[in-house]
C-alpha atoms as a PDB file:
ATOM      1  CA  UNK A   1      15.013  22.902 -52.343  1.00  0.00           C
ATOM      2  CA  UNK A   2      12.460  25.494 -52.374  1.00  0.00           C
ATOM      3  CA  UNK A   3       9.317  24.163 -53.999  1.00  0.00           C
ATOM      4  CA  UNK A   4       6.890  26.392 -56.237  1.00  0.00           C
ATOM      5  CA  UNK A   5       4.400  25.337 -58.128  1.00  0.00           C
ATOM      6  CA  UNK A   6       6.200  24.941 -61.827  1.00  0.00           C
ATOM      7  CA  UNK A   7       3.771  26.232 -65.065  1.00  0.00           C
ATOM      8  CA  UNK A   8       1.505  23.551 -66.677  1.00  0.00           C
ATOM      9  CA  UNK A   9       3.896  20.905 -65.420  1.00  0.00           C
ATOM     10  CA  UNK A  10       3.637  17.901 -64.490  1.00  0.00           C
ATOM     11  CA  UNK A  11       4.730  14.562 -62.294  1.00  0.00           C
ATOM     12  CA  UNK A  12       6.921  12.249 -63.621  1.00  0.00           C
ATOM     13  CA  UNK A  13       7.360   9.131 -61.305  1.00  0.00           C
ATOM     14  CA  UNK A  14       9.230   5.890 -62.996  1.00  0.00           C
ATOM     15  CA  UNK A  15      10.813   8.986 -65.986  1.00  0.00           C
ATOM     16  CA  UNK A  16      13.816   6.972 -65.785  1.00  0.00           C
ATOM     17  CA  UNK A  17      12.240   3.586 -67.337  1.00  0.00           C
ATOM     18  CA  UNK A  18      10.172   3.068 -70.692  1.00  0.00           C
ATOM     19  CA  UNK A  19       6.469   4.187 -69.836  1.00  0.00           C
ATOM     20  CA  UNK A  20       8.235   7.150 -68.587  1.00  0.00           C
ATOM     21  CA  UNK A  21      10.759   8.338 -70.118  1.00  0.00           C
ATOM     22  CA  UNK A  22       7.947   8.416 -73.362  1.00  0.00           C
ATOM     23  CA  UNK A  23       6.116   9.978 -71.165  1.00  0.00           C
ATOM     24  CA  UNK A  24       8.328  12.917 -71.251  1.00  0.00           C
ATOM     25  CA  UNK A  25       9.542  12.539 -74.308  1.00  0.00           C
ATOM     26  CA  UNK A  26       5.370  13.754 -75.008  1.00  0.00           C
ATOM     27  CA  UNK A  27       4.688  16.096 -72.155  1.00  0.00           C
ATOM     28  CA  UNK A  28       8.052  17.728 -73.413  1.00  0.00           C
ATOM     29  CA  UNK A  29       6.453  18.149 -77.373  1.00  0.00           C
ATOM     30  CA  UNK A  30       3.499  19.290 -76.103  1.00  0.00           C
ATOM     31  CA  UNK A  31       5.587  22.351 -74.643  1.00  0.00           C
ATOM     32  CA  UNK A  32       5.164  20.907 -70.699  1.00  0.00           C
ATOM     33  CA  UNK A  33       7.491  22.107 -67.949  1.00  0.00           C
ATOM     34  CA  UNK A  34       8.411  18.246 -66.725  1.00  0.00           C
ATOM     35  CA  UNK A  35      10.149  17.144 -63.862  1.00  0.00           C
ATOM     36  CA  UNK A  36      11.217  14.084 -63.769  1.00  0.00           C
ATOM     37  CA  UNK A  37      11.916  11.490 -60.261  1.00  0.00           C
ATOM     38  CA  UNK A  38      13.143   8.001 -60.246  1.00  0.00           C
ATOM     39  CA  UNK A  39      15.093   6.030 -57.975  1.00  0.00           C
ATOM     40  CA  UNK A  40      18.227   8.450 -56.458  1.00  0.00           C
ATOM     41  CA  UNK A  41      16.164  11.546 -57.356  1.00  0.00           C
ATOM     42  CA  UNK A  42      16.728  15.115 -55.217  1.00  0.00           C
ATOM     43  CA  UNK A  43      13.559  15.490 -55.612  1.00  0.00           C
ATOM     44  CA  UNK A  44      10.347  13.577 -53.335  1.00  0.00           C
ATOM     45  CA  UNK A  45       7.072  13.034 -53.610  1.00  0.00           C
ATOM     46  CA  UNK A  46       5.651  15.018 -51.531  1.00  0.00           C
ATOM     47  CA  UNK A  47       7.670  18.320 -53.265  1.00  0.00           C
ATOM     48  CA  UNK A  48       6.188  16.136 -56.791  1.00  0.00           C
ATOM     49  CA  UNK A  49       2.920  17.087 -55.742  1.00  0.00           C
ATOM     50  CA  UNK A  50       3.781  20.502 -54.207  1.00  0.00           C
ATOM     51  CA  UNK A  51       5.181  21.572 -57.699  1.00  0.00           C
ATOM     52  CA  UNK A  52       3.241  20.147 -60.307  1.00  0.00           C
ATOM     53  CA  UNK A  53      -0.595  19.905 -61.589  1.00  0.00           C
ATOM     54  CA  UNK A  54      -0.738  16.127 -62.799  1.00  0.00           C
ATOM     55  CA  UNK A  55       1.221  13.134 -61.291  1.00  0.00           C
ATOM     56  CA  UNK A  56       2.032  10.081 -63.142  1.00  0.00           C
ATOM     57  CA  UNK A  57       3.167   7.129 -61.751  1.00  0.00           C
ATOM     58  CA  UNK A  58       5.291   5.319 -64.368  1.00  0.00           C
ATOM     59  CA  UNK A  59       6.816   2.019 -62.076  1.00  0.00           C
ATOM     60  CA  UNK A  60       6.214  -1.964 -62.108  1.00  0.00           C
ATOM     61  CA  UNK A  61       2.799  -2.122 -60.448  1.00  0.00           C
ATOM     62  CA  UNK A  62       4.985  -4.416 -57.995  1.00  0.00           C
ATOM     63  CA  UNK A  63       6.056  -1.459 -56.819  1.00  0.00           C
ATOM     64  CA  UNK A  64       3.126   0.802 -55.999  1.00  0.00           C
ATOM     65  CA  UNK A  65       2.778   0.244 -53.011  1.00  0.00           C
ATOM     66  CA  UNK A  66       6.482   1.129 -51.842  1.00  0.00           C
ATOM     67  CA  UNK A  67       5.727   4.742 -54.195  1.00  0.00           C
END
């Protein structure tokens, strides 16, 4: 996958969870490009950083060090 900056893009780490999916819907409803990342995603955190303007970390506090 090639990395390129998405216009008006936000990345959501933990996008399949309750808060992550809520943030995904919120930003998408406002016309932003949402790049979703979760366990099993093909997009790595490193690729995400290169593609988006902002990142929301929506994971349980107990796993933030792992992410």
